[in-house]
């Protein structure tokens, strides 16, 4: 069984590191993390990119061209 995490982000830098570390510290790591970002203007993308370079699972980051709102953003990640 594969484990895939869908994460919707929007200006979440304040709490994002803690969230990502919880994924990396699981006894069973996910096979992938799929991130849909809704045009964040803070350090969210940089945090995600740095995280993707140091974990042993795939991290796919998709950044929306325009803000689509939390519901559609999460749907896109799924």
N, C-alpha and C. Protein backbone atom coordinates (compact mmCIF):
# COMPACT_ATOMS: atom_id res chain seq x y z
N UNK A 1 0.84 -1.17 0.00
CA UNK A 1 0.00 0.00 0.00
C UNK A 1 0.89 1.24 0.00
N UNK A 2 0.54 2.20 -0.85
CA UNK A 2 1.27 3.47 -0.90
C UNK A 2 0.53 4.52 -0.09
N UNK A 3 1.32 5.39 0.51
CA UNK A 3 0.75 6.49 1.28
C UNK A 3 1.09 7.79 0.59
N UNK A 4 0.06 8.56 0.29
CA UNK A 4 0.21 9.86 -0.35
C UNK A 4 -0.47 10.90 0.54
N UNK A 5 0.23 12.00 0.79
CA UNK A 5 -0.33 13.09 1.59
C UNK A 5 -0.63 14.26 0.67
N UNK A 6 -1.84 14.78 0.76
CA UNK A 6 -2.21 16.00 0.03
C UNK A 6 -2.20 17.14 1.03
N UNK A 7 -1.45 18.19 0.70
CA UNK A 7 -1.33 19.35 1.58
C UNK A 7 -1.67 20.60 0.80
N UNK A 8 -2.64 21.34 1.27
CA UNK A 8 -3.00 22.63 0.65
C UNK A 8 -2.36 23.73 1.49
N UNK A 9 -1.64 24.65 0.83
CA UNK A 9 -0.98 25.72 1.57
C UNK A 9 -1.39 27.08 1.04
N UNK A 10 -1.33 28.05 1.96
CA UNK A 10 -1.53 29.46 1.63
C UNK A 10 -0.96 30.28 2.78
N UNK A 11 0.17 30.91 2.55
CA UNK A 11 0.83 31.74 3.56
C UNK A 11 0.92 31.01 4.91
N UNK A 12 1.39 29.78 4.86
CA UNK A 12 1.44 28.96 6.06
C UNK A 12 2.81 28.82 6.68
N UNK A 13 3.73 29.68 6.35
CA UNK A 13 5.11 29.54 6.81
C UNK A 13 5.23 29.44 8.33
N UNK A 14 4.38 30.12 9.05
CA UNK A 14 4.47 30.16 10.51
C UNK A 14 4.37 28.76 11.13
N UNK A 15 3.54 27.89 10.55
CA UNK A 15 3.30 26.57 11.12
C UNK A 15 3.79 25.43 10.22
N UNK A 16 4.26 25.76 9.04
CA UNK A 16 4.57 24.74 8.04
C UNK A 16 5.72 23.82 8.43
N UNK A 17 6.76 24.36 9.01
CA UNK A 17 7.91 23.53 9.37
C UNK A 17 7.49 22.44 10.35
N UNK A 18 6.71 22.79 11.34
CA UNK A 18 6.23 21.81 12.31
C UNK A 18 5.39 20.73 11.63
N UNK A 19 4.54 21.13 10.71
CA UNK A 19 3.69 20.18 9.98
C UNK A 19 4.54 19.23 9.14
N UNK A 20 5.48 19.78 8.41
CA UNK A 20 6.34 18.95 7.56
C UNK A 20 7.19 17.99 8.38
N UNK A 21 7.71 18.46 9.50
CA UNK A 21 8.51 17.59 10.36
C UNK A 21 7.69 16.43 10.89
N UNK A 22 6.41 16.64 11.12
CA UNK A 22 5.57 15.53 11.58
C UNK A 22 5.46 14.46 10.50
N UNK A 23 5.45 14.85 9.23
CA UNK A 23 5.43 13.87 8.15
C UNK A 23 6.75 13.09 8.11
N UNK A 24 7.85 13.81 8.27
CA UNK A 24 9.18 13.19 8.17
C UNK A 24 9.52 12.30 9.37
N UNK A 25 8.81 12.48 10.47
CA UNK A 25 9.11 11.72 11.68
C UNK A 25 8.17 10.56 11.94
N UNK A 26 7.36 10.21 10.98
CA UNK A 26 6.45 9.08 11.13
C UNK A 26 7.24 7.77 11.10
N UNK A 27 6.74 6.75 11.79
CA UNK A 27 7.40 5.45 11.73
C UNK A 27 7.27 4.83 10.34
N UNK A 28 6.21 5.14 9.65
CA UNK A 28 6.04 4.73 8.23
C UNK A 28 5.97 6.01 7.41
N UNK A 29 7.04 6.27 6.67
CA UNK A 29 7.09 7.49 5.86
C UNK A 29 6.10 7.42 4.71
N UNK A 30 5.59 8.57 4.28
CA UNK A 30 4.74 8.56 3.09
C UNK A 30 5.58 8.26 1.85
N UNK A 31 4.91 7.81 0.81
CA UNK A 31 5.60 7.61 -0.46
C UNK A 31 5.72 8.92 -1.22
N UNK A 32 4.79 9.82 -0.93
CA UNK A 32 4.85 11.12 -1.59
C UNK A 32 4.06 12.14 -0.79
N UNK A 33 4.45 13.40 -0.99
CA UNK A 33 3.72 14.55 -0.47
C UNK A 33 3.39 15.41 -1.68
N UNK A 34 2.11 15.67 -1.87
CA UNK A 34 1.66 16.51 -2.97
C UNK A 34 1.14 17.81 -2.37
N UNK A 35 1.77 18.92 -2.75
CA UNK A 35 1.42 20.23 -2.20
C UNK A 35 0.79 21.08 -3.29
N UNK A 36 -0.35 21.65 -2.97
CA UNK A 36 -0.99 22.63 -3.84
C UNK A 36 -0.95 23.96 -3.10
N UNK A 37 -0.22 24.92 -3.64
CA UNK A 37 -0.07 26.22 -3.00
C UNK A 37 -0.93 27.25 -3.71
N UNK A 38 -1.68 28.01 -2.92
CA UNK A 38 -2.64 28.97 -3.46
C UNK A 38 -2.07 30.39 -3.48
N UNK A 39 -0.92 30.54 -4.12
CA UNK A 39 -0.27 31.85 -4.32
C UNK A 39 0.24 32.46 -3.02
N UNK A 40 0.92 31.68 -2.21
CA UNK A 40 1.49 32.19 -0.96
C UNK A 40 2.45 33.33 -1.25
N UNK A 41 2.46 34.31 -0.34
CA UNK A 41 3.35 35.46 -0.47
C UNK A 41 4.40 35.49 0.63
N UNK A 42 4.44 34.45 1.45
CA UNK A 42 5.44 34.38 2.51
C UNK A 42 6.51 33.36 2.11
N UNK A 43 7.16 32.76 3.06
CA UNK A 43 8.26 31.83 2.81
C UNK A 43 7.80 30.39 2.56
N UNK A 44 6.52 30.18 2.35
CA UNK A 44 5.97 28.82 2.20
C UNK A 44 6.71 28.02 1.13
N UNK A 45 6.86 28.56 -0.04
CA UNK A 45 7.49 27.82 -1.16
C UNK A 45 8.94 27.48 -0.84
N UNK A 46 9.67 28.42 -0.29
CA UNK A 46 11.07 28.15 0.07
C UNK A 46 11.17 27.04 1.11
N UNK A 47 10.30 27.06 2.10
CA UNK A 47 10.29 26.02 3.13
C UNK A 47 10.01 24.67 2.49
N UNK A 48 9.04 24.62 1.60
CA UNK A 48 8.70 23.36 0.92
C UNK A 48 9.86 22.85 0.07
N UNK A 49 10.50 23.75 -0.67
CA UNK A 49 11.62 23.36 -1.52
C UNK A 49 12.78 22.83 -0.69
N UNK A 50 13.09 23.51 0.41
CA UNK A 50 14.17 23.05 1.29
C UNK A 50 13.85 21.68 1.87
N UNK A 51 12.61 21.50 2.31
CA UNK A 51 12.17 20.23 2.87
C UNK A 51 12.31 19.11 1.84
N UNK A 52 11.91 19.39 0.60
CA UNK A 52 11.93 18.36 -0.44
C UNK A 52 13.35 17.85 -0.73
N UNK A 53 14.34 18.67 -0.46
CA UNK A 53 15.73 18.29 -0.72
C UNK A 53 16.32 17.37 0.34
N UNK A 54 15.67 17.28 1.48
CA UNK A 54 16.28 16.51 2.58
C UNK A 54 15.46 15.32 3.06
N UNK A 55 14.34 15.04 2.42
CA UNK A 55 13.55 13.87 2.83
C UNK A 55 13.67 12.77 1.78
N UNK A 56 13.51 11.52 2.20
CA UNK A 56 13.68 10.40 1.28
C UNK A 56 12.43 10.03 0.48
N UNK A 57 11.43 10.89 0.47
CA UNK A 57 10.22 10.63 -0.31
C UNK A 57 9.98 11.79 -1.26
N UNK A 58 9.19 11.53 -2.30
CA UNK A 58 8.90 12.54 -3.31
C UNK A 58 8.04 13.66 -2.72
N UNK A 59 8.40 14.89 -3.06
CA UNK A 59 7.60 16.06 -2.69
C UNK A 59 7.32 16.79 -4.00
N UNK A 60 6.05 16.82 -4.36
CA UNK A 60 5.65 17.52 -5.59
C UNK A 60 4.92 18.80 -5.20
N UNK A 61 5.42 19.92 -5.69
CA UNK A 61 4.87 21.22 -5.32
C UNK A 61 4.24 21.85 -6.56
N UNK A 62 2.97 22.16 -6.44
CA UNK A 62 2.23 22.83 -7.51
C UNK A 62 1.77 24.19 -6.98
N UNK A 63 2.06 25.23 -7.74
CA UNK A 63 1.68 26.59 -7.34
C UNK A 63 0.64 27.11 -8.31
N UNK A 64 -0.49 27.50 -7.78
CA UNK A 64 -1.58 28.01 -8.62
C UNK A 64 -1.19 29.33 -9.27
N UNK A 65 -1.71 29.56 -10.47
CA UNK A 65 -1.46 30.81 -11.18
C UNK A 65 -2.25 31.97 -10.58
N UNK A 66 -3.39 31.64 -9.98
CA UNK A 66 -4.21 32.64 -9.30
C UNK A 66 -4.83 31.98 -8.07
N UNK A 67 -5.27 32.80 -7.15
CA UNK A 67 -5.86 32.31 -5.91
C UNK A 67 -7.21 31.67 -6.21
N UNK A 68 -7.37 30.40 -5.80
CA UNK A 68 -8.61 29.68 -6.09
C UNK A 68 -9.40 29.34 -4.83
N UNK A 69 -8.90 29.71 -3.67
CA UNK A 69 -9.60 29.45 -2.42
C UNK A 69 -9.25 28.10 -1.82
N UNK A 70 -9.49 27.97 -0.51
CA UNK A 70 -9.03 26.78 0.21
C UNK A 70 -9.67 25.49 -0.27
N UNK A 71 -10.95 25.52 -0.59
CA UNK A 71 -11.63 24.29 -0.99
C UNK A 71 -11.11 23.77 -2.33
N UNK A 72 -11.08 24.63 -3.32
CA UNK A 72 -10.57 24.23 -4.65
C UNK A 72 -9.09 23.89 -4.59
N UNK A 73 -8.34 24.61 -3.75
CA UNK A 73 -6.91 24.33 -3.62
C UNK A 73 -6.68 22.93 -3.07
N UNK A 74 -7.45 22.57 -2.05
CA UNK A 74 -7.31 21.22 -1.49
C UNK A 74 -7.74 20.17 -2.49
N UNK A 75 -8.83 20.42 -3.21
CA UNK A 75 -9.28 19.50 -4.26
C UNK A 75 -8.19 19.28 -5.29
N UNK A 76 -7.52 20.36 -5.66
CA UNK A 76 -6.45 20.26 -6.66
C UNK A 76 -5.32 19.38 -6.15
N UNK A 77 -4.99 19.49 -4.87
CA UNK A 77 -3.94 18.67 -4.28
C UNK A 77 -4.29 17.19 -4.26
N UNK A 78 -5.56 16.93 -4.04
CA UNK A 78 -6.00 15.53 -4.01
C UNK A 78 -5.97 14.97 -5.40
